[in-house]
Amino acid sequence: MINNLSILLVEDDDVAAESVVRGVGKIAPEIPIIIAENGRVALDILNKTNKSEDLTYPFIILLDINMPVMNGIEFLEEIRASKKFKDLVIFILTTSNEDADKTIAYQHNVAGYMVKSAVGPQFSKLATLLKYYQEAVELNQKSE
């Protein structure tokens, strides 16, 4: 069974965000992507206090680490401390290849850690991964 997967992309770099949107659009155009420019905006979307964006279940989060206002690690800490959101599926998508960042991300139960430079031109490997992930994994269908 194919899930109707959505993506919340938490990314402050407009060029990277557009590349992800284009890359996913080529391989899995049925996957809608909502973009939040930092962790605070992403929390507003999740809490439905940002009325301009409507994220529906099931979804995954693609999270950058290095962002202003609320970075990816701060976002992870808040999400994992939340009873409502602690089980969300989150993948890190970042430029950081630092072992310390990988360690703290996995300590916060991320589903995977991807370095942007390793996911191929126009994020083609990421798009392929998301397409197969959508087809193979049963995600929680809960809605708030």
N, C-alpha and C. Protein backbone atom coordinates (compact mmCIF):
# COMPACT_ATOMS: atom_id res chain seq x y z
N MET A 1 0.84 -1.19 0.00
CA MET A 1 0.00 0.00 0.00
C MET A 1 0.88 1.25 0.00
N ILE A 2 0.59 2.17 -0.88
CA ILE A 2 1.36 3.40 -0.96
C ILE A 2 0.72 4.45 -0.06
N ASN A 3 1.54 5.01 0.79
CA ASN A 3 1.07 6.09 1.66
C ASN A 3 0.95 7.37 0.85
N ASN A 4 0.08 8.25 1.24
CA ASN A 4 0.01 9.59 0.66
C ASN A 4 0.92 10.49 1.47
N LEU A 5 2.20 10.28 1.31
CA LEU A 5 3.23 10.95 2.09
C LEU A 5 3.30 12.44 1.76
N SER A 6 3.54 13.24 2.80
CA SER A 6 3.86 14.66 2.65
C SER A 6 5.21 14.88 3.32
N ILE A 7 5.85 15.99 2.96
CA ILE A 7 7.15 16.33 3.53
C ILE A 7 7.11 17.73 4.10
N LEU A 8 7.65 17.86 5.32
CA LEU A 8 7.92 19.18 5.88
C LEU A 8 9.43 19.36 5.78
N LEU A 9 9.86 20.26 4.90
CA LEU A 9 11.27 20.55 4.69
C LEU A 9 11.63 21.77 5.53
N VAL A 10 12.51 21.57 6.50
CA VAL A 10 12.94 22.66 7.38
C VAL A 10 14.34 23.06 6.92
N GLU A 11 14.37 24.14 6.14
CA GLU A 11 15.59 24.53 5.42
C GLU A 11 15.60 26.03 5.20
N ASP A 12 16.69 26.70 5.58
CA ASP A 12 16.77 28.15 5.43
C ASP A 12 17.42 28.58 4.12
N ASP A 13 18.06 27.69 3.41
CA ASP A 13 18.73 28.01 2.15
C ASP A 13 17.75 27.83 1.00
N ASP A 14 17.36 28.93 0.37
CA ASP A 14 16.37 28.88 -0.71
C ASP A 14 16.82 28.01 -1.88
N VAL A 15 18.11 28.05 -2.21
CA VAL A 15 18.63 27.25 -3.33
C VAL A 15 18.53 25.76 -3.00
N ALA A 16 18.92 25.38 -1.80
CA ALA A 16 18.82 23.98 -1.39
C ALA A 16 17.37 23.53 -1.34
N ALA A 17 16.49 24.37 -0.81
CA ALA A 17 15.07 24.02 -0.73
C ALA A 17 14.49 23.82 -2.12
N GLU A 18 14.80 24.72 -3.05
CA GLU A 18 14.30 24.59 -4.41
C GLU A 18 14.86 23.34 -5.09
N SER A 19 16.11 23.01 -4.81
CA SER A 19 16.71 21.79 -5.37
C SER A 19 16.01 20.54 -4.86
N VAL A 20 15.67 20.52 -3.59
CA VAL A 20 14.93 19.38 -3.03
C VAL A 20 13.55 19.29 -3.69
N VAL A 21 12.86 20.40 -3.80
CA VAL A 21 11.53 20.41 -4.41
C VAL A 21 11.61 19.92 -5.85
N ARG A 22 12.58 20.42 -6.61
CA ARG A 22 12.73 20.00 -8.00
C ARG A 22 13.11 18.53 -8.11
N GLY A 23 14.06 18.10 -7.28
CA GLY A 23 14.50 16.71 -7.32
C GLY A 23 13.39 15.73 -6.98
N VAL A 24 12.65 16.02 -5.93
CA VAL A 24 11.53 15.15 -5.54
C VAL A 24 10.44 15.22 -6.60
N GLY A 25 10.21 16.41 -7.14
CA GLY A 25 9.18 16.57 -8.17
C GLY A 25 9.42 15.75 -9.41
N LYS A 26 10.68 15.53 -9.75
CA LYS A 26 11.02 14.73 -10.94
C LYS A 26 10.73 13.25 -10.73
N ILE A 27 10.97 12.76 -9.53
CA ILE A 27 10.86 11.33 -9.27
C ILE A 27 9.55 10.97 -8.58
N ALA A 28 9.06 11.84 -7.73
CA ALA A 28 7.82 11.56 -6.99
C ALA A 28 6.96 12.83 -6.92
N PRO A 29 6.39 13.23 -8.06
CA PRO A 29 5.64 14.49 -8.10
C PRO A 29 4.39 14.49 -7.22
N GLU A 30 3.95 13.31 -6.80
CA GLU A 30 2.76 13.22 -5.96
C GLU A 30 3.03 13.57 -4.50
N ILE A 31 4.29 13.74 -4.13
CA ILE A 31 4.64 14.06 -2.75
C ILE A 31 4.66 15.58 -2.56
N PRO A 32 3.70 16.13 -1.82
CA PRO A 32 3.71 17.58 -1.57
C PRO A 32 4.78 17.94 -0.53
N ILE A 33 5.37 19.11 -0.72
CA ILE A 33 6.42 19.58 0.18
C ILE A 33 6.04 20.95 0.71
N ILE A 34 6.08 21.08 2.03
CA ILE A 34 5.88 22.36 2.70
C ILE A 34 7.24 22.77 3.26
N ILE A 35 7.60 24.03 3.04
CA ILE A 35 8.91 24.51 3.46
C ILE A 35 8.77 25.46 4.65
N ALA A 36 9.60 25.21 5.66
CA ALA A 36 9.72 26.10 6.82
C ALA A 36 11.16 26.58 6.87
N GLU A 37 11.37 27.89 7.03
CA GLU A 37 12.73 28.41 6.95
C GLU A 37 13.55 28.26 8.23
N ASN A 38 12.95 27.75 9.29
CA ASN A 38 13.71 27.45 10.52
C ASN A 38 12.83 26.59 11.43
N GLY A 39 13.40 26.14 12.51
CA GLY A 39 12.69 25.27 13.43
C GLY A 39 11.47 25.91 14.07
N ARG A 40 11.53 27.20 14.34
CA ARG A 40 10.39 27.89 14.96
C ARG A 40 9.19 27.90 14.01
N VAL A 41 9.42 28.18 12.73
CA VAL A 41 8.34 28.17 11.74
C VAL A 41 7.79 26.75 11.60
N ALA A 42 8.68 25.76 11.62
CA ALA A 42 8.24 24.36 11.53
C ALA A 42 7.35 23.99 12.71
N LEU A 43 7.71 24.42 13.91
CA LEU A 43 6.86 24.16 15.08
C LEU A 43 5.50 24.83 14.94
N ASP A 44 5.48 26.03 14.39
CA ASP A 44 4.20 26.72 14.16
C ASP A 44 3.32 25.93 13.18
N ILE A 45 3.95 25.37 12.16
CA ILE A 45 3.20 24.55 11.19
C ILE A 45 2.67 23.29 11.88
N LEU A 46 3.51 22.64 12.65
CA LEU A 46 3.10 21.41 13.34
C LEU A 46 1.97 21.68 14.35
N ASN A 47 2.07 22.81 15.04
CA ASN A 47 1.06 23.17 16.04
C ASN A 47 -0.16 23.84 15.43
N LYS A 48 -0.14 23.99 14.11
CA LYS A 48 -1.24 24.60 13.35
C LYS A 48 -1.50 26.05 13.77
N THR A 49 -0.45 26.73 14.25
CA THR A 49 -0.57 28.16 14.53
C THR A 49 -0.15 28.99 13.32
N ASN A 50 0.43 28.32 12.32
CA ASN A 50 0.75 28.95 11.04
C ASN A 50 -0.37 28.56 10.09
N LYS A 51 -1.33 29.44 9.93
CA LYS A 51 -2.53 29.13 9.15
C LYS A 51 -2.30 29.08 7.65
N SER A 52 -1.12 29.54 7.19
CA SER A 52 -0.87 29.55 5.74
C SER A 52 -0.42 28.19 5.21
N GLU A 53 -0.03 27.29 6.08
CA GLU A 53 0.44 25.98 5.65
C GLU A 53 -0.37 24.89 6.35
N ASP A 54 -0.80 23.89 5.60
CA ASP A 54 -1.58 22.80 6.17
C ASP A 54 -0.87 21.47 5.88
N LEU A 55 -0.23 20.94 6.88
CA LEU A 55 0.50 19.68 6.77
C LEU A 55 -0.41 18.55 7.21
N THR A 56 -0.56 17.54 6.37
CA THR A 56 -1.45 16.43 6.70
C THR A 56 -0.65 15.15 6.91
N TYR A 57 -1.17 14.29 7.75
CA TYR A 57 -0.57 12.98 7.99
C TYR A 57 -0.87 12.06 6.82
N PRO A 58 0.00 11.12 6.54
CA PRO A 58 1.32 10.91 7.12
C PRO A 58 2.35 11.85 6.49
N PHE A 59 3.37 12.19 7.26
CA PHE A 59 4.43 13.04 6.73
C PHE A 59 5.75 12.69 7.41
N ILE A 60 6.81 13.13 6.75
CA ILE A 60 8.14 13.04 7.34
C ILE A 60 8.73 14.44 7.34
N ILE A 61 9.74 14.62 8.14
CA ILE A 61 10.43 15.91 8.22
C ILE A 61 11.85 15.73 7.71
N LEU A 62 12.25 16.62 6.81
CA LEU A 62 13.64 16.74 6.38
C LEU A 62 14.18 17.99 7.05
N LEU A 63 15.19 17.82 7.89
CA LEU A 63 15.63 18.89 8.79
C LEU A 63 17.09 19.26 8.58
N ASP A 64 17.33 20.53 8.31
CA ASP A 64 18.69 21.07 8.26
C ASP A 64 19.13 21.33 9.70
N ILE A 65 20.41 21.32 9.93
CA ILE A 65 20.92 21.60 11.28
C ILE A 65 21.23 23.08 11.46
N ASN A 66 21.94 23.67 10.50
CA ASN A 66 22.43 25.04 10.65
C ASN A 66 21.43 26.04 10.09
N MET A 67 20.61 26.60 11.00
CA MET A 67 19.60 27.59 10.62
C MET A 67 19.54 28.68 11.69
N PRO A 68 19.06 29.87 11.30
CA PRO A 68 18.87 30.93 12.29
C PRO A 68 17.59 30.70 13.10
N VAL A 69 17.39 31.49 14.09
CA VAL A 69 16.21 31.53 14.97
C VAL A 69 16.13 30.27 15.83
N MET A 70 15.86 29.11 15.24
CA MET A 70 15.88 27.83 15.94
C MET A 70 16.54 26.83 15.01
N ASN A 71 17.73 26.35 15.40
CA ASN A 71 18.44 25.42 14.54
C ASN A 71 17.87 24.00 14.65
N GLY A 72 18.41 23.10 13.85
CA GLY A 72 17.88 21.74 13.80
C GLY A 72 18.01 20.97 15.11
N ILE A 73 19.10 21.15 15.82
CA ILE A 73 19.29 20.45 17.09
C ILE A 73 18.28 20.96 18.12
N GLU A 74 18.09 22.27 18.19
CA GLU A 74 17.10 22.84 19.11
C GLU A 74 15.70 22.34 18.76
N PHE A 75 15.40 22.26 17.47
CA PHE A 75 14.11 21.74 17.02
C PHE A 75 13.94 20.28 17.45
N LEU A 76 14.98 19.46 17.24
CA LEU A 76 14.92 18.06 17.67
C LEU A 76 14.67 17.94 19.17
N GLU A 77 15.37 18.74 19.95
CA GLU A 77 15.20 18.68 21.40
C GLU A 77 13.76 18.99 21.79
N GLU A 78 13.18 20.00 21.16
CA GLU A 78 11.80 20.37 21.49
C GLU A 78 10.81 19.29 21.02
N ILE A 79 11.01 18.77 19.84
CA ILE A 79 10.12 17.74 19.29
C ILE A 79 10.16 16.48 20.15
N ARG A 80 11.35 16.03 20.48
CA ARG A 80 11.47 14.78 21.24
C ARG A 80 11.00 14.93 22.68
N ALA A 81 10.94 16.14 23.19
CA ALA A 81 10.42 16.38 24.54
C ALA A 81 8.90 16.51 24.54
N SER A 82 8.31 16.62 23.35
CA SER A 82 6.87 16.83 23.22
C SER A 82 6.12 15.50 23.17
N LYS A 83 5.13 15.35 24.01
CA LYS A 83 4.30 14.15 23.99
C LYS A 83 3.59 14.00 22.65
N LYS A 84 3.17 15.11 22.09
CA LYS A 84 2.41 15.13 20.85
C LYS A 84 3.26 14.78 19.62
N PHE A 85 4.53 15.20 19.60
CA PHE A 85 5.35 15.07 18.40
C PHE A 85 6.57 14.16 18.54
N LYS A 86 6.77 13.54 19.70
CA LYS A 86 8.01 12.81 19.94
C LYS A 86 8.26 11.65 18.98
N ASP A 87 7.22 11.12 18.35
CA ASP A 87 7.37 9.97 17.46
C ASP A 87 7.46 10.34 15.98
N LEU A 88 7.57 11.61 15.65
CA LEU A 88 7.63 12.01 14.25
C LEU A 88 8.88 11.44 13.57
N VAL A 89 8.74 11.11 12.30
CA VAL A 89 9.86 10.59 11.51
C VAL A 89 10.63 11.78 10.96
N ILE A 90 11.90 11.87 11.37
CA ILE A 90 12.75 13.00 10.99
C ILE A 90 14.05 12.48 10.38
N PHE A 91 14.37 13.02 9.21
CA PHE A 91 15.66 12.77 8.58
C PHE A 91 16.44 14.08 8.60
N ILE A 92 17.71 14.01 8.91
CA ILE A 92 18.58 15.18 8.84
C ILE A 92 19.08 15.29 7.40
N LEU A 93 19.03 16.50 6.86
CA LEU A 93 19.56 16.81 5.53
C LEU A 93 20.36 18.09 5.69
N THR A 94 21.67 17.97 5.73
CA THR A 94 22.51 19.10 6.14
C THR A 94 23.85 19.11 5.40
N THR A 95 24.55 20.22 5.51
CA THR A 95 25.91 20.30 4.96
C THR A 95 26.92 19.77 5.96
N SER A 96 26.54 19.63 7.21
CA SER A 96 27.47 19.23 8.27
C SER A 96 27.80 17.74 8.20
N ASN A 97 29.09 17.47 8.11
CA ASN A 97 29.57 16.09 8.14
C ASN A 97 30.31 15.83 9.46
N GLU A 98 30.05 16.65 10.45
CA GLU A 98 30.72 16.56 11.74
C GLU A 98 30.18 15.39 12.56
N ASP A 99 31.09 14.60 13.13
CA ASP A 99 30.69 13.47 13.95
C ASP A 99 29.82 13.90 15.13
N ALA A 100 30.12 15.05 15.72
CA ALA A 100 29.35 15.53 16.88
C ALA A 100 27.89 15.78 16.48
N ASP A 101 27.68 16.35 15.29
CA ASP A 101 26.30 16.59 14.83
C ASP A 101 25.58 15.27 14.56
N LYS A 102 26.28 14.32 13.97
CA LYS A 102 25.67 13.01 13.70
C LYS A 102 25.29 12.32 15.01
N THR A 103 26.20 12.38 15.97
CA THR A 103 25.95 11.73 17.27
C THR A 103 24.73 12.32 17.95
N ILE A 104 24.66 13.64 18.04
CA ILE A 104 23.52 14.25 18.73
C ILE A 104 22.22 14.01 17.97
N ALA A 105 22.28 14.00 16.64
CA ALA A 105 21.07 13.74 15.85
C ALA A 105 20.55 12.34 16.13
N TYR A 106 21.44 11.35 16.10
CA TYR A 106 21.00 9.98 16.36
C TYR A 106 20.57 9.78 17.81
N GLN A 107 21.14 10.54 18.73
CA GLN A 107 20.68 10.47 20.12
C GLN A 107 19.24 10.99 20.24
N HIS A 108 18.81 11.77 19.28
CA HIS A 108 17.43 12.27 19.25
C HIS A 108 16.57 11.45 18.29
N ASN A 109 17.00 10.23 18.04
CA ASN A 109 16.20 9.25 17.29
C ASN A 109 15.79 9.69 15.89
N VAL A 110 16.74 10.24 15.13
CA VAL A 110 16.41 10.55 13.74
C VAL A 110 16.41 9.26 12.94
N ALA A 111 15.66 9.26 11.85
CA ALA A 111 15.56 8.07 11.00
C ALA A 111 16.78 7.93 10.10
N GLY A 112 17.48 9.01 9.87
CA GLY A 112 18.67 8.98 9.03
C GLY A 112 19.35 10.33 9.00
N TYR A 113 20.63 10.31 8.63
CA TYR A 113 21.43 11.53 8.58
C TYR A 113 22.06 11.59 7.20
N MET A 114 21.68 12.58 6.41
CA MET A 114 22.19 12.71 5.05
C MET A 114 22.95 14.02 4.89
N VAL A 115 24.13 13.93 4.30
CA VAL A 115 24.92 15.12 3.99
C VAL A 115 24.56 15.53 2.56
N LYS A 116 24.21 16.80 2.40
CA LYS A 116 23.71 17.28 1.11
C LYS A 116 24.63 16.93 -0.05
N SER A 117 25.93 17.04 0.15
CA SER A 117 26.86 16.77 -0.95
C SER A 117 26.88 15.30 -1.36
N ALA A 118 26.33 14.42 -0.56
CA ALA A 118 26.36 12.99 -0.85
C ALA A 118 25.06 12.46 -1.46
N VAL A 119 24.05 13.30 -1.60
CA VAL A 119 22.76 12.81 -2.10
C VAL A 119 22.57 13.03 -3.59
N GLY A 120 23.64 13.37 -4.29
CA GLY A 120 23.61 13.41 -5.74
C GLY A 120 23.16 14.72 -6.32
N PRO A 121 23.37 14.85 -7.63
CA PRO A 121 22.95 16.08 -8.31
C PRO A 121 21.44 16.28 -8.19
N GLN A 122 21.04 17.51 -7.92
CA GLN A 122 19.63 17.86 -7.73
C GLN A 122 18.95 16.95 -6.70
N PHE A 123 19.73 16.49 -5.73
CA PHE A 123 19.18 15.65 -4.66
C PHE A 123 18.49 14.39 -5.21
N SER A 124 19.03 13.84 -6.29
CA SER A 124 18.41 12.68 -6.95
C SER A 124 18.35 11.45 -6.04
N LYS A 125 19.40 11.20 -5.27
CA LYS A 125 19.38 10.04 -4.37
C LYS A 125 18.35 10.23 -3.26
N LEU A 126 18.21 11.45 -2.77
CA LEU A 126 17.20 11.75 -1.76
C LEU A 126 15.80 11.51 -2.32
N ALA A 127 15.56 12.01 -3.53
CA ALA A 127 14.24 11.84 -4.16
C ALA A 127 13.91 10.36 -4.35
N THR A 128 14.89 9.59 -4.79
CA THR A 128 14.68 8.16 -4.98
C THR A 128 14.40 7.48 -3.65
N LEU A 129 15.16 7.83 -2.62
CA LEU A 129 14.94 7.28 -1.29
C LEU A 129 13.53 7.57 -0.81
N LEU A 130 13.07 8.80 -0.98
CA LEU A 130 11.73 9.18 -0.52
C LEU A 130 10.65 8.44 -1.29
N LYS A 131 10.86 8.24 -2.57
CA LYS A 131 9.88 7.50 -3.39
C LYS A 131 9.76 6.07 -2.86
N TYR A 132 10.89 5.40 -2.67
CA TYR A 132 10.84 4.02 -2.17
C TYR A 132 10.36 3.96 -0.72
N TYR A 133 10.73 4.93 0.07
CA TYR A 133 10.27 5.00 1.46
C TYR A 133 8.75 5.08 1.50
N GLN A 134 8.19 5.95 0.67
CA GLN A 134 6.75 6.12 0.59
C GLN A 134 6.06 4.80 0.22
N GLU A 135 6.67 4.05 -0.66
CA GLU A 135 6.06 2.80 -1.13
C GLU A 135 6.23 1.64 -0.15
N ALA A 136 7.29 1.68 0.66
CA ALA A 136 7.62 0.52 1.49
C ALA A 136 7.26 0.63 2.96
N VAL A 137 7.17 1.83 3.48
CA VAL A 137 7.02 2.01 4.92
C VAL A 137 5.59 2.42 5.25
N GLU A 138 5.03 1.76 6.26
CA GLU A 138 3.70 2.14 6.76
C GLU A 138 3.91 3.21 7.83
N LEU A 139 3.42 4.39 7.54
CA LEU A 139 3.54 5.50 8.48
C LEU A 139 2.27 5.67 9.27
N ASN A 140 2.39 6.29 10.43
CA ASN A 140 1.24 6.57 11.28
C ASN A 140 0.28 7.49 10.52
N GLN A 141 -0.98 7.11 10.50
CA GLN A 141 -2.00 7.87 9.78
C GLN A 141 -2.75 8.84 10.69
N LYS A 142 -2.26 9.04 11.91
CA LYS A 142 -3.00 9.87 12.86
C LYS A 142 -3.15 11.28 12.35
N SER A 143 -4.20 11.90 12.79
CA SER A 143 -4.39 13.32 12.46
C SER A 143 -4.79 14.04 13.73
N GLU A 144 -4.38 15.27 13.82
CA GLU A 144 -4.67 16.06 15.01
C GLU A 144 -5.93 16.85 14.82
